């Protein structure tokens, strides 16, 4: 069995002023009645009621455990398997893993990732380096931005699937509705107008056919 020592890594989260503040985020957050983090859920609140001494300290660390087995290298006839066990600190705020959904870093009104100003991309790299140990190399910057780009495009795709309904509403009606949580009216209207343009419709077809190569008739 191989493992990374847990306690030194938890201590390290409190050695940096940025991550130390993030680890206490759940205690001082504003409850806006929207479920977006385990701290907003009933189970978290029940736990606080039952273990009041633990929950009274904002530095108390709450961990989630995840595990699953897989067969290495797709060798299904091997006589062993691998079972990774991952611990996730629930203290941290949701935006750390959802930075692609935050307009101050990734403006949703832009047509594609290349149109986003370099200023925003530098902000993403800086906020990551403030909180995590990342080697000083452009290669790692590009890898981080590539991941954010993928999440940003997936987020926009999901928004379009859920909110852009040209068969049910006109563009004007969609623009007059309240934007989804966390999106400004200005960027939301800009995004809707792009989706309604010929370029936006063509992009949607391209993505759909890429993911569903044998179902063109169903899309039509």
N, C-alpha and C. Protein backbone atom coordinates (compact mmCIF):
# COMPACT_ATOMS: atom_id res chain seq x y z
N UNK A 1 0.84 -1.18 0.00
CA UNK A 1 0.00 0.00 0.00
C UNK A 1 0.88 1.25 0.00
N UNK A 2 0.51 2.22 -0.81
CA UNK A 2 1.22 3.48 -0.88
C UNK A 2 0.26 4.61 -0.50
N UNK A 3 0.76 5.59 0.25
CA UNK A 3 -0.12 6.69 0.63
C UNK A 3 0.70 7.96 0.87
N UNK A 4 0.04 9.09 0.78
CA UNK A 4 0.62 10.38 1.14
C UNK A 4 0.18 10.70 2.56
N UNK A 5 1.11 11.06 3.45
CA UNK A 5 0.72 11.40 4.83
C UNK A 5 -0.33 12.52 4.84
N UNK A 6 -1.39 12.33 5.58
CA UNK A 6 -2.51 13.26 5.56
C UNK A 6 -2.27 14.52 6.39
N UNK A 7 -1.84 14.36 7.63
CA UNK A 7 -1.74 15.50 8.55
C UNK A 7 -0.82 16.60 8.03
N UNK A 8 0.37 16.29 7.52
CA UNK A 8 1.22 17.39 6.99
C UNK A 8 0.54 18.17 5.86
N UNK A 9 -0.26 17.49 5.06
CA UNK A 9 -0.94 18.17 3.96
C UNK A 9 -2.08 19.06 4.45
N UNK A 10 -2.74 18.62 5.49
CA UNK A 10 -3.78 19.46 6.07
C UNK A 10 -3.16 20.69 6.75
N UNK A 11 -2.03 20.51 7.42
CA UNK A 11 -1.33 21.63 8.04
C UNK A 11 -0.87 22.63 6.98
N UNK A 12 -0.46 22.11 5.84
CA UNK A 12 0.03 22.98 4.77
C UNK A 12 -1.06 23.91 4.25
N UNK A 13 -2.31 23.46 4.32
CA UNK A 13 -3.42 24.32 3.88
C UNK A 13 -3.56 25.56 4.75
N UNK A 14 -3.07 25.47 6.00
CA UNK A 14 -3.14 26.61 6.90
C UNK A 14 -1.82 27.39 6.99
N UNK A 15 -0.83 26.96 6.21
CA UNK A 15 0.45 27.67 6.20
C UNK A 15 0.44 28.86 5.25
N UNK A 16 -0.49 28.87 4.31
CA UNK A 16 -0.61 29.96 3.35
C UNK A 16 -1.82 30.81 3.73
N UNK A 17 -1.67 32.12 3.75
CA UNK A 17 -2.76 33.00 4.18
C UNK A 17 -3.99 32.86 3.26
N UNK A 18 -3.75 32.61 1.97
CA UNK A 18 -4.85 32.50 1.01
C UNK A 18 -5.67 31.24 1.27
N UNK A 19 -4.99 30.09 1.37
CA UNK A 19 -5.72 28.84 1.58
C UNK A 19 -6.27 28.76 3.00
N UNK A 20 -5.58 29.40 3.96
CA UNK A 20 -6.11 29.41 5.33
C UNK A 20 -7.45 30.14 5.37
N UNK A 21 -7.54 31.23 4.64
CA UNK A 21 -8.80 31.97 4.55
C UNK A 21 -9.86 31.13 3.84
N UNK A 22 -9.46 30.44 2.77
CA UNK A 22 -10.40 29.58 2.04
C UNK A 22 -10.92 28.45 2.91
N UNK A 23 -10.06 27.90 3.77
CA UNK A 23 -10.46 26.79 4.63
C UNK A 23 -11.50 27.22 5.67
N UNK A 24 -11.58 28.52 5.97
CA UNK A 24 -12.57 29.02 6.93
C UNK A 24 -13.78 29.63 6.23
N UNK A 25 -13.78 29.56 4.91
CA UNK A 25 -14.84 30.18 4.11
C UNK A 25 -16.23 29.70 4.51
N UNK A 26 -16.36 28.41 4.73
CA UNK A 26 -17.69 27.82 4.99
C UNK A 26 -18.32 28.38 6.25
N UNK A 27 -17.50 28.84 7.18
CA UNK A 27 -18.00 29.31 8.48
C UNK A 27 -18.57 30.72 8.38
N UNK A 28 -17.96 31.55 7.56
CA UNK A 28 -18.35 32.96 7.46
C UNK A 28 -19.15 33.29 6.21
N UNK A 29 -19.50 32.29 5.43
CA UNK A 29 -20.17 32.55 4.15
C UNK A 29 -21.58 33.11 4.39
N UNK A 30 -22.09 33.78 3.39
CA UNK A 30 -23.47 34.29 3.45
C UNK A 30 -24.40 33.20 2.91
N UNK A 31 -25.37 32.82 3.70
CA UNK A 31 -26.31 31.77 3.29
C UNK A 31 -27.40 32.38 2.41
N UNK A 32 -27.29 32.16 1.10
CA UNK A 32 -28.28 32.74 0.18
C UNK A 32 -29.35 31.73 -0.23
N UNK A 33 -29.43 30.61 0.52
CA UNK A 33 -30.46 29.59 0.32
C UNK A 33 -30.34 28.87 -1.03
N UNK A 34 -29.14 28.93 -1.63
CA UNK A 34 -28.90 28.21 -2.88
C UNK A 34 -27.94 27.06 -2.60
N UNK A 35 -28.29 25.86 -3.03
CA UNK A 35 -27.47 24.68 -2.77
C UNK A 35 -26.37 24.58 -3.82
N UNK A 36 -25.14 24.92 -3.42
CA UNK A 36 -24.02 24.83 -4.35
C UNK A 36 -22.77 24.25 -3.69
N UNK A 37 -22.90 23.88 -2.40
CA UNK A 37 -21.76 23.37 -1.64
C UNK A 37 -22.31 22.49 -0.52
N UNK A 38 -21.56 21.48 -0.07
CA UNK A 38 -22.06 20.64 1.02
C UNK A 38 -22.49 21.44 2.25
N UNK A 39 -21.87 22.61 2.48
CA UNK A 39 -22.25 23.43 3.63
C UNK A 39 -23.67 23.95 3.54
N UNK A 40 -24.24 23.96 2.35
CA UNK A 40 -25.62 24.42 2.17
C UNK A 40 -26.63 23.30 2.40
N UNK A 41 -26.15 22.08 2.54
CA UNK A 41 -27.04 20.93 2.63
C UNK A 41 -27.53 20.63 4.03
N UNK A 42 -28.57 19.82 4.11
CA UNK A 42 -29.18 19.44 5.40
C UNK A 42 -28.22 18.60 6.23
N UNK A 43 -27.47 17.68 5.59
CA UNK A 43 -26.58 16.79 6.32
C UNK A 43 -25.50 17.58 7.07
N UNK A 44 -24.97 18.61 6.42
CA UNK A 44 -23.94 19.46 7.05
C UNK A 44 -24.51 20.15 8.29
N UNK A 45 -25.72 20.69 8.14
CA UNK A 45 -26.34 21.41 9.24
C UNK A 45 -26.73 20.48 10.39
N UNK A 46 -27.15 19.27 10.08
CA UNK A 46 -27.46 18.28 11.12
C UNK A 46 -26.19 17.89 11.88
N UNK A 47 -25.09 17.77 11.11
CA UNK A 47 -23.80 17.44 11.75
C UNK A 47 -23.39 18.55 12.71
N UNK A 48 -23.59 19.81 12.31
CA UNK A 48 -23.26 20.95 13.17
C UNK A 48 -24.06 20.91 14.47
N UNK A 49 -25.32 20.53 14.37
CA UNK A 49 -26.18 20.47 15.56
C UNK A 49 -25.74 19.36 16.52
N UNK A 50 -25.28 18.25 15.93
CA UNK A 50 -24.92 17.09 16.75
C UNK A 50 -23.54 17.24 17.39
N UNK A 51 -22.60 17.84 16.64
CA UNK A 51 -21.22 17.99 17.13
C UNK A 51 -20.89 19.48 17.23
N UNK A 52 -21.46 20.12 18.23
CA UNK A 52 -21.36 21.59 18.35
C UNK A 52 -19.95 22.07 18.65
N UNK A 53 -19.20 21.31 19.43
CA UNK A 53 -17.84 21.73 19.77
C UNK A 53 -16.96 21.72 18.51
N UNK A 54 -17.11 20.69 17.71
CA UNK A 54 -16.34 20.59 16.47
C UNK A 54 -16.74 21.70 15.50
N UNK A 55 -18.02 21.89 15.32
CA UNK A 55 -18.50 22.86 14.34
C UNK A 55 -18.28 24.30 14.77
N UNK A 56 -18.07 24.54 16.07
CA UNK A 56 -17.86 25.91 16.55
C UNK A 56 -16.50 26.46 16.13
N UNK A 57 -15.57 25.57 15.81
CA UNK A 57 -14.23 26.00 15.39
C UNK A 57 -14.17 26.06 13.86
N UNK A 58 -14.04 27.23 13.26
CA UNK A 58 -14.02 27.33 11.80
C UNK A 58 -12.84 26.62 11.15
N UNK A 59 -11.80 26.31 11.95
CA UNK A 59 -10.62 25.64 11.40
C UNK A 59 -10.79 24.12 11.34
N UNK A 60 -11.84 23.60 11.94
CA UNK A 60 -12.07 22.15 11.89
C UNK A 60 -12.18 21.69 10.45
N UNK A 61 -11.48 20.62 10.13
CA UNK A 61 -11.41 20.14 8.75
C UNK A 61 -12.44 19.05 8.51
N UNK A 62 -13.22 19.22 7.47
CA UNK A 62 -14.22 18.23 7.08
C UNK A 62 -13.76 17.59 5.78
N UNK A 63 -13.72 16.26 5.79
CA UNK A 63 -13.19 15.53 4.64
C UNK A 63 -14.24 14.61 4.03
N UNK A 64 -14.20 14.52 2.71
CA UNK A 64 -15.02 13.54 2.00
C UNK A 64 -14.11 12.46 1.44
N UNK A 65 -14.53 11.22 1.53
CA UNK A 65 -13.71 10.10 1.06
C UNK A 65 -14.33 9.48 -0.17
N UNK A 66 -13.52 9.27 -1.18
CA UNK A 66 -13.98 8.64 -2.42
C UNK A 66 -13.02 7.52 -2.80
N UNK A 67 -13.57 6.43 -3.28
CA UNK A 67 -12.72 5.30 -3.69
C UNK A 67 -13.41 4.51 -4.78
N UNK A 68 -12.61 3.93 -5.62
CA UNK A 68 -13.15 3.06 -6.68
C UNK A 68 -12.02 2.18 -7.18
N UNK A 69 -12.36 1.02 -7.66
CA UNK A 69 -11.35 0.10 -8.17
C UNK A 69 -11.25 0.14 -9.68
N UNK A 70 -10.07 -0.06 -10.20
CA UNK A 70 -9.91 -0.16 -11.64
C UNK A 70 -8.78 -1.12 -11.94
N UNK A 71 -8.80 -1.65 -13.13
CA UNK A 71 -7.80 -2.61 -13.55
C UNK A 71 -6.72 -1.88 -14.35
N UNK A 72 -5.48 -1.87 -13.87
CA UNK A 72 -4.43 -1.09 -14.53
C UNK A 72 -4.16 -1.52 -15.98
N UNK A 73 -3.94 -0.55 -16.82
CA UNK A 73 -3.51 -0.78 -18.20
C UNK A 73 -4.49 -1.62 -19.01
N UNK A 74 -5.75 -1.68 -18.55
CA UNK A 74 -6.80 -2.42 -19.26
C UNK A 74 -6.48 -3.91 -19.40
N UNK A 75 -5.69 -4.43 -18.49
CA UNK A 75 -5.36 -5.85 -18.52
C UNK A 75 -6.41 -6.59 -17.69
N UNK A 76 -7.51 -6.92 -18.32
CA UNK A 76 -8.64 -7.48 -17.58
C UNK A 76 -8.36 -8.88 -17.05
N UNK A 77 -7.31 -9.51 -17.56
CA UNK A 77 -7.01 -10.87 -17.09
C UNK A 77 -5.95 -10.87 -15.99
N UNK A 78 -5.56 -9.69 -15.51
CA UNK A 78 -4.56 -9.65 -14.44
C UNK A 78 -5.20 -10.10 -13.13
N UNK A 79 -4.35 -10.56 -12.21
CA UNK A 79 -4.87 -11.11 -10.96
C UNK A 79 -4.83 -10.08 -9.82
N UNK A 80 -4.79 -8.80 -10.16
CA UNK A 80 -4.81 -7.78 -9.13
C UNK A 80 -5.52 -6.54 -9.67
N UNK A 81 -5.92 -5.67 -8.79
CA UNK A 81 -6.55 -4.42 -9.18
C UNK A 81 -6.00 -3.29 -8.31
N UNK A 82 -6.32 -2.08 -8.66
CA UNK A 82 -5.85 -0.91 -7.92
C UNK A 82 -7.05 -0.18 -7.34
N UNK A 83 -6.94 0.20 -6.07
CA UNK A 83 -8.04 0.89 -5.40
C UNK A 83 -7.53 2.22 -4.84
N UNK A 84 -7.60 3.28 -5.62
CA UNK A 84 -7.19 4.58 -5.09
C UNK A 84 -8.22 5.11 -4.10
N UNK A 85 -7.75 5.73 -3.04
CA UNK A 85 -8.61 6.35 -2.04
C UNK A 85 -8.25 7.84 -2.00
N UNK A 86 -9.24 8.69 -2.22
CA UNK A 86 -9.00 10.13 -2.29
C UNK A 86 -9.79 10.84 -1.20
N UNK A 87 -9.12 11.75 -0.50
CA UNK A 87 -9.78 12.57 0.51
C UNK A 87 -9.92 13.99 -0.02
N UNK A 88 -11.13 14.53 0.08
CA UNK A 88 -11.40 15.87 -0.44
C UNK A 88 -11.76 16.78 0.73
N UNK A 89 -11.03 17.89 0.91
CA UNK A 89 -11.40 18.84 1.99
C UNK A 89 -12.63 19.65 1.60
N UNK A 90 -13.71 19.46 2.35
CA UNK A 90 -14.96 20.14 2.04
C UNK A 90 -14.98 21.60 2.54
N UNK A 91 -13.97 21.98 3.32
CA UNK A 91 -13.92 23.37 3.79
C UNK A 91 -13.78 24.36 2.65
N UNK A 92 -13.09 23.97 1.60
CA UNK A 92 -12.76 24.90 0.52
C UNK A 92 -14.00 25.37 -0.24
N UNK A 93 -14.00 26.62 -0.69
CA UNK A 93 -15.16 27.16 -1.41
C UNK A 93 -15.33 26.53 -2.79
N UNK A 94 -16.53 26.50 -3.30
CA UNK A 94 -16.79 25.82 -4.59
C UNK A 94 -16.12 26.49 -5.78
N UNK A 95 -15.83 27.79 -5.68
CA UNK A 95 -15.29 28.49 -6.85
C UNK A 95 -13.89 28.00 -7.21
N UNK A 96 -13.17 27.39 -6.27
CA UNK A 96 -11.81 26.93 -6.57
C UNK A 96 -11.84 25.87 -7.67
N UNK A 97 -12.86 25.01 -7.65
CA UNK A 97 -12.94 23.99 -8.71
C UNK A 97 -13.90 24.41 -9.82
N UNK A 98 -14.52 25.60 -9.67
CA UNK A 98 -15.45 26.08 -10.69
C UNK A 98 -15.07 27.46 -11.19
N UNK A 99 -13.78 27.73 -11.28
CA UNK A 99 -13.34 29.06 -11.66
C UNK A 99 -13.82 29.43 -13.07
N UNK A 100 -14.08 28.42 -13.89
CA UNK A 100 -14.57 28.67 -15.25
C UNK A 100 -15.97 29.27 -15.26
N UNK A 101 -16.68 29.19 -14.12
CA UNK A 101 -18.04 29.71 -14.05
C UNK A 101 -18.10 31.12 -13.45
N UNK A 102 -16.95 31.69 -13.16
CA UNK A 102 -16.91 33.01 -12.52
C UNK A 102 -16.54 34.07 -13.55
N UNK A 103 -17.42 35.03 -13.72
CA UNK A 103 -17.26 36.03 -14.78
C UNK A 103 -16.02 36.90 -14.63
N UNK A 104 -15.59 37.12 -13.41
CA UNK A 104 -14.41 37.97 -13.21
C UNK A 104 -13.13 37.31 -13.69
N UNK A 105 -13.21 36.00 -13.95
CA UNK A 105 -12.06 35.28 -14.50
C UNK A 105 -12.31 34.82 -15.95
N UNK A 106 -13.51 34.36 -16.21
CA UNK A 106 -13.86 33.83 -17.54
C UNK A 106 -15.17 34.46 -18.01
N UNK A 107 -15.10 35.62 -18.68
CA UNK A 107 -16.33 36.28 -19.15
C UNK A 107 -17.13 35.38 -20.09
N UNK A 108 -18.39 35.16 -19.76
CA UNK A 108 -19.22 34.25 -20.55
C UNK A 108 -19.68 34.87 -21.87
N UNK A 109 -19.59 36.18 -21.98
CA UNK A 109 -20.08 36.83 -23.19
C UNK A 109 -19.18 36.67 -24.40
N UNK A 110 -17.95 36.19 -24.19
CA UNK A 110 -17.03 36.02 -25.32
C UNK A 110 -17.42 34.80 -26.16
N UNK A 111 -17.18 34.90 -27.47
CA UNK A 111 -17.59 33.82 -28.37
C UNK A 111 -16.79 32.54 -28.14
N UNK A 112 -15.47 32.69 -27.98
CA UNK A 112 -14.64 31.51 -27.75
C UNK A 112 -13.49 31.87 -26.83
N UNK A 113 -12.73 30.86 -26.43
CA UNK A 113 -11.65 31.04 -25.45
C UNK A 113 -10.58 31.99 -25.96
N UNK A 114 -10.29 31.96 -27.25
CA UNK A 114 -9.24 32.82 -27.80
C UNK A 114 -9.62 34.29 -27.73
N UNK A 115 -10.91 34.58 -27.63
CA UNK A 115 -11.36 35.97 -27.58
C UNK A 115 -11.23 36.58 -26.18
N UNK A 116 -11.00 35.74 -25.18
CA UNK A 116 -10.85 36.24 -23.81
C UNK A 116 -9.51 36.96 -23.68
N UNK A 117 -9.56 38.14 -23.11
CA UNK A 117 -8.35 38.96 -22.96
C UNK A 117 -7.31 38.25 -22.09
N UNK A 118 -6.03 38.44 -22.43
CA UNK A 118 -4.94 37.79 -21.69
C UNK A 118 -4.93 38.22 -20.22
N UNK A 119 -5.48 39.39 -19.95
CA UNK A 119 -5.54 39.87 -18.57
C UNK A 119 -6.29 38.88 -17.67
N UNK A 120 -7.40 38.32 -18.18
CA UNK A 120 -8.19 37.37 -17.40
C UNK A 120 -7.42 36.06 -17.21
N UNK A 121 -6.71 35.63 -18.24
CA UNK A 121 -5.96 34.38 -18.14
C UNK A 121 -4.82 34.50 -17.14
N UNK A 122 -4.20 35.68 -17.07
CA UNK A 122 -3.15 35.89 -16.08
C UNK A 122 -3.73 35.87 -14.66
N UNK A 123 -4.95 36.40 -14.52
CA UNK A 123 -5.62 36.37 -13.21
C UNK A 123 -5.85 34.93 -12.75
N UNK A 124 -6.24 34.07 -13.69
CA UNK A 124 -6.47 32.67 -13.36
C UNK A 124 -5.18 32.01 -12.87
N UNK A 125 -4.09 32.23 -13.60
CA UNK A 125 -2.80 31.65 -13.22
C UNK A 125 -2.37 32.18 -11.85
N UNK A 126 -2.54 33.48 -11.63
CA UNK A 126 -2.11 34.09 -10.37
C UNK A 126 -2.89 33.54 -9.18
N UNK A 127 -4.21 33.38 -9.35
CA UNK A 127 -5.01 32.89 -8.23
C UNK A 127 -4.68 31.43 -7.93
N UNK A 128 -4.31 30.67 -8.95
CA UNK A 128 -3.91 29.27 -8.72
C UNK A 128 -2.56 29.21 -8.01
N UNK A 129 -1.64 30.06 -8.44
CA UNK A 129 -0.30 30.05 -7.83
C UNK A 129 -0.32 30.60 -6.41
N UNK A 130 -1.29 31.45 -6.10
CA UNK A 130 -1.43 31.96 -4.74
C UNK A 130 -1.81 30.86 -3.77
N UNK A 131 -2.47 29.82 -4.29
CA UNK A 131 -3.04 28.81 -3.41
C UNK A 131 -2.42 27.43 -3.56
N UNK A 132 -1.78 27.17 -4.66
CA UNK A 132 -1.23 25.83 -4.89
C UNK A 132 0.21 25.91 -5.34
N UNK A 133 0.95 24.84 -5.08
CA UNK A 133 2.35 24.77 -5.49
C UNK A 133 2.39 24.26 -6.92
N UNK A 134 2.70 25.16 -7.85
CA UNK A 134 2.78 24.82 -9.27
C UNK A 134 4.17 25.19 -9.78
N UNK A 135 4.87 24.29 -10.43
CA UNK A 135 6.21 24.62 -10.95
C UNK A 135 6.19 25.85 -11.84
N UNK A 136 7.25 26.65 -11.75
CA UNK A 136 7.36 27.88 -12.54
C UNK A 136 7.79 27.49 -13.96
N UNK A 137 6.81 27.27 -14.79
CA UNK A 137 7.09 26.88 -16.16
C UNK A 137 5.86 27.16 -17.01
N UNK A 138 6.07 27.70 -18.19
CA UNK A 138 4.95 28.04 -19.07
C UNK A 138 4.12 26.81 -19.43
N UNK A 139 4.77 25.66 -19.44
CA UNK A 139 4.08 24.41 -19.77
C UNK A 139 2.93 24.15 -18.79
N UNK A 140 3.16 24.42 -17.51
CA UNK A 140 2.14 24.18 -16.49
C UNK A 140 1.03 25.24 -16.58
N UNK A 141 1.41 26.46 -16.95
CA UNK A 141 0.41 27.50 -17.15
C UNK A 141 -0.55 27.10 -18.27
N UNK A 142 0.01 26.61 -19.37
CA UNK A 142 -0.82 26.21 -20.51
C UNK A 142 -1.72 25.04 -20.15
N UNK A 143 -1.20 24.10 -19.37
CA UNK A 143 -2.00 22.94 -18.96
C UNK A 143 -3.17 23.37 -18.08
N UNK A 144 -2.92 24.32 -17.17
CA UNK A 144 -3.98 24.81 -16.29
C UNK A 144 -5.05 25.55 -17.09
N UNK A 145 -4.62 26.40 -18.01
CA UNK A 145 -5.57 27.15 -18.83
C UNK A 145 -6.34 26.25 -19.77
N UNK A 146 -5.70 25.19 -20.23
CA UNK A 146 -6.39 24.23 -21.10
C UNK A 146 -7.54 23.55 -20.35
N UNK A 147 -7.30 23.24 -19.10
CA UNK A 147 -8.35 22.61 -18.27
C UNK A 147 -9.49 23.59 -18.02
N UNK A 148 -9.15 24.85 -17.72
CA UNK A 148 -10.18 25.86 -17.47
C UNK A 148 -10.98 26.11 -18.75
N UNK A 149 -10.29 26.14 -19.88
CA UNK A 149 -10.95 26.32 -21.18
C UNK A 149 -11.99 25.23 -21.43
N UNK A 150 -11.61 23.99 -21.15
CA UNK A 150 -12.53 22.86 -21.35
C UNK A 150 -13.76 23.00 -20.45
N UNK A 151 -13.54 23.36 -19.19
CA UNK A 151 -14.65 23.52 -18.25
C UNK A 151 -15.54 24.69 -18.66
N UNK A 152 -14.93 25.77 -19.15
CA UNK A 152 -15.67 26.96 -19.58
C UNK A 152 -16.58 26.64 -20.75
N UNK A 153 -16.05 25.89 -21.73
CA UNK A 153 -16.86 25.53 -22.90
C UNK A 153 -17.98 24.57 -22.51
N UNK A 154 -17.70 23.65 -21.59
CA UNK A 154 -18.74 22.71 -21.15
C UNK A 154 -19.84 23.45 -20.39
N UNK A 155 -19.45 24.43 -19.58
CA UNK A 155 -20.42 25.24 -18.84
C UNK A 155 -21.33 25.99 -19.80
N UNK A 156 -20.75 26.60 -20.83
CA UNK A 156 -21.55 27.34 -21.80
C UNK A 156 -22.47 26.39 -22.58
N UNK A 157 -21.98 25.21 -22.89
CA UNK A 157 -22.80 24.22 -23.60
C UNK A 157 -24.01 23.83 -22.75
N UNK A 158 -23.77 23.59 -21.47
CA UNK A 158 -24.87 23.22 -20.57
C UNK A 158 -25.88 24.35 -20.41
N UNK A 159 -25.39 25.58 -20.33
CA UNK A 159 -26.29 26.73 -20.24
C UNK A 159 -27.18 26.82 -21.48
N UNK A 160 -26.57 26.62 -22.63
CA UNK A 160 -27.33 26.70 -23.88
C UNK A 160 -28.39 25.61 -23.94
N UNK A 161 -28.02 24.43 -23.53
CA UNK A 161 -28.95 23.29 -23.55
C UNK A 161 -30.13 23.54 -22.62
N UNK A 162 -29.87 24.19 -21.47
CA UNK A 162 -30.91 24.38 -20.46
C UNK A 162 -31.76 25.64 -20.66
N UNK A 163 -31.17 26.68 -21.26
CA UNK A 163 -31.86 27.97 -21.28
C UNK A 163 -32.18 28.53 -22.67
N UNK A 164 -31.48 28.08 -23.68
CA UNK A 164 -31.73 28.62 -25.01
C UNK A 164 -32.81 27.78 -25.70
N UNK A 165 -34.04 28.32 -25.74
CA UNK A 165 -35.19 27.58 -26.27
C UNK A 165 -35.85 28.39 -27.40
N UNK A 166 -35.24 28.45 -28.58
CA UNK A 166 -35.78 29.28 -29.66
C UNK A 166 -37.14 28.82 -30.17
N UNK A 167 -37.50 27.56 -29.93
CA UNK A 167 -38.81 27.07 -30.38
C UNK A 167 -39.92 27.46 -29.40
N UNK A 168 -39.54 27.83 -28.20
CA UNK A 168 -40.52 28.19 -27.17
C UNK A 168 -40.62 29.69 -26.93
N UNK A 169 -39.47 30.40 -27.11
CA UNK A 169 -39.45 31.83 -26.84
C UNK A 169 -38.68 32.57 -27.93
N UNK A 170 -39.05 33.83 -28.13
CA UNK A 170 -38.29 34.67 -29.04
C UNK A 170 -37.01 35.13 -28.34
N UNK A 171 -36.08 35.64 -29.13
CA UNK A 171 -34.84 36.14 -28.54
C UNK A 171 -35.12 37.26 -27.54
N UNK A 172 -36.06 38.13 -27.87
CA UNK A 172 -36.40 39.23 -26.98
C UNK A 172 -36.94 38.72 -25.65
N UNK A 173 -37.76 37.67 -25.70
CA UNK A 173 -38.32 37.10 -24.47
C UNK A 173 -37.23 36.47 -23.61
N UNK A 174 -36.31 35.77 -24.25
CA UNK A 174 -35.22 35.15 -23.51
C UNK A 174 -34.31 36.20 -22.88
N UNK A 175 -34.07 37.29 -23.60
CA UNK A 175 -33.21 38.37 -23.09
C UNK A 175 -33.85 39.10 -21.91
N UNK A 176 -35.17 39.09 -21.85
CA UNK A 176 -35.87 39.81 -20.78
C UNK A 176 -36.00 39.00 -19.49
N UNK A 177 -35.67 37.72 -19.55
CA UNK A 177 -35.77 36.88 -18.35
C UNK A 177 -34.55 37.09 -17.45
N UNK A 178 -34.68 36.72 -16.19
CA UNK A 178 -33.58 36.85 -15.23
C UNK A 178 -32.47 35.86 -15.58
N UNK A 179 -31.22 36.33 -15.65
CA UNK A 179 -30.11 35.42 -15.99
C UNK A 179 -29.90 34.37 -14.91
N UNK A 180 -29.29 33.24 -15.24
CA UNK A 180 -28.95 32.24 -14.23
C UNK A 180 -28.04 32.86 -13.16
N UNK A 181 -28.04 32.26 -12.00
CA UNK A 181 -27.28 32.80 -10.87
C UNK A 181 -25.80 32.98 -11.23
N UNK A 182 -25.27 34.15 -10.90
CA UNK A 182 -23.85 34.41 -11.10
C UNK A 182 -23.50 35.01 -12.45
N UNK A 183 -24.49 35.23 -13.32
CA UNK A 183 -24.23 35.78 -14.65
C UNK A 183 -24.87 37.16 -14.75
N UNK A 184 -24.11 38.14 -15.19
CA UNK A 184 -24.64 39.49 -15.32
C UNK A 184 -25.59 39.57 -16.51
N UNK A 185 -26.53 40.50 -16.45
CA UNK A 185 -27.49 40.68 -17.55
C UNK A 185 -26.77 41.01 -18.86
N UNK A 186 -25.73 41.82 -18.77
CA UNK A 186 -24.99 42.22 -19.96
C UNK A 186 -24.38 41.03 -20.68
N UNK A 187 -23.69 40.18 -19.92
CA UNK A 187 -23.06 39.00 -20.53
C UNK A 187 -24.09 37.97 -20.98
N UNK A 188 -25.19 37.86 -20.23
CA UNK A 188 -26.23 36.89 -20.58
C UNK A 188 -26.89 37.26 -21.91
N UNK A 189 -27.20 38.53 -22.10
CA UNK A 189 -27.80 38.99 -23.35
C UNK A 189 -26.82 38.80 -24.51
N UNK A 190 -25.55 39.11 -24.24
CA UNK A 190 -24.52 38.94 -25.27
C UNK A 190 -24.40 37.47 -25.68
N UNK A 191 -24.49 36.58 -24.70
CA UNK A 191 -24.40 35.15 -24.96
C UNK A 191 -25.62 34.65 -25.74
N UNK A 192 -26.80 35.10 -25.36
CA UNK A 192 -28.02 34.70 -26.06
C UNK A 192 -28.00 35.15 -27.52
N UNK A 193 -27.53 36.36 -27.75
CA UNK A 193 -27.47 36.88 -29.12
C UNK A 193 -26.46 36.10 -29.96
N UNK A 194 -25.38 35.67 -29.33
CA UNK A 194 -24.41 34.86 -30.06
C UNK A 194 -25.00 33.50 -30.41
N UNK A 195 -25.69 32.88 -29.45
CA UNK A 195 -26.31 31.59 -29.73
C UNK A 195 -27.34 31.69 -30.85
N UNK A 196 -27.98 32.85 -30.94
CA UNK A 196 -29.03 33.03 -31.94
C UNK A 196 -28.46 33.41 -33.32
N UNK A 197 -27.17 33.70 -33.38
CA UNK A 197 -26.53 34.05 -34.66
C UNK A 197 -26.23 32.79 -35.47
N UNK A 198 -25.97 32.96 -36.75
CA UNK A 198 -25.66 31.82 -37.61
C UNK A 198 -24.40 31.11 -37.13
N UNK A 199 -23.41 31.89 -36.68
CA UNK A 199 -22.17 31.28 -36.18
C UNK A 199 -22.43 30.44 -34.94
N UNK A 200 -23.27 30.96 -34.04
CA UNK A 200 -23.58 30.23 -32.82
C UNK A 200 -24.35 28.94 -33.10
N UNK A 201 -25.29 29.00 -34.03
CA UNK A 201 -26.05 27.79 -34.39
C UNK A 201 -25.16 26.76 -35.05
N UNK A 202 -24.24 27.21 -35.90
CA UNK A 202 -23.31 26.30 -36.56
C UNK A 202 -22.39 25.63 -35.56
N UNK A 203 -21.96 26.38 -34.55
CA UNK A 203 -21.09 25.83 -33.50
C UNK A 203 -21.83 24.75 -32.73
N UNK A 204 -23.10 24.98 -32.43
CA UNK A 204 -23.92 24.01 -31.71
C UNK A 204 -24.04 22.71 -32.49
N UNK A 205 -24.26 22.81 -33.79
CA UNK A 205 -24.35 21.61 -34.64
C UNK A 205 -23.05 20.83 -34.63
N UNK A 206 -21.94 21.55 -34.74
CA UNK A 206 -20.63 20.90 -34.77
C UNK A 206 -20.38 20.12 -33.49
N UNK A 207 -20.67 20.75 -32.34
CA UNK A 207 -20.46 20.08 -31.05
C UNK A 207 -21.37 18.88 -30.91
N UNK A 208 -22.64 19.04 -31.32
CA UNK A 208 -23.61 17.96 -31.15
C UNK A 208 -23.21 16.75 -32.01
N UNK A 209 -22.83 16.99 -33.26
CA UNK A 209 -22.43 15.88 -34.14
C UNK A 209 -21.15 15.20 -33.66
N UNK A 210 -20.27 15.99 -33.03
CA UNK A 210 -19.03 15.41 -32.52
C UNK A 210 -19.33 14.43 -31.40
N UNK A 211 -20.31 14.76 -30.56
CA UNK A 211 -20.65 13.91 -29.42
C UNK A 211 -21.68 12.84 -29.76
N UNK A 212 -22.44 13.04 -30.86
CA UNK A 212 -23.48 12.09 -31.25
C UNK A 212 -23.37 11.79 -32.75
N UNK A 213 -22.29 11.12 -33.16
CA UNK A 213 -22.02 10.94 -34.59
C UNK A 213 -23.07 10.13 -35.36
N UNK A 214 -23.86 9.33 -34.65
CA UNK A 214 -24.81 8.45 -35.34
C UNK A 214 -26.26 8.85 -35.14
N UNK A 215 -26.50 10.11 -34.69
CA UNK A 215 -27.87 10.50 -34.37
C UNK A 215 -28.26 11.82 -35.02
N UNK A 216 -27.77 12.04 -36.25
CA UNK A 216 -28.09 13.29 -36.94
C UNK A 216 -29.59 13.49 -37.13
N UNK A 217 -30.32 12.41 -37.43
CA UNK A 217 -31.76 12.51 -37.67
C UNK A 217 -32.48 12.96 -36.42
N UNK A 218 -32.03 12.46 -35.25
CA UNK A 218 -32.69 12.82 -34.00
C UNK A 218 -32.51 14.30 -33.73
N UNK A 219 -31.33 14.87 -34.02
CA UNK A 219 -31.10 16.29 -33.81
C UNK A 219 -32.00 17.12 -34.71
N UNK A 220 -32.10 16.70 -35.99
CA UNK A 220 -32.95 17.41 -36.92
C UNK A 220 -34.41 17.38 -36.49
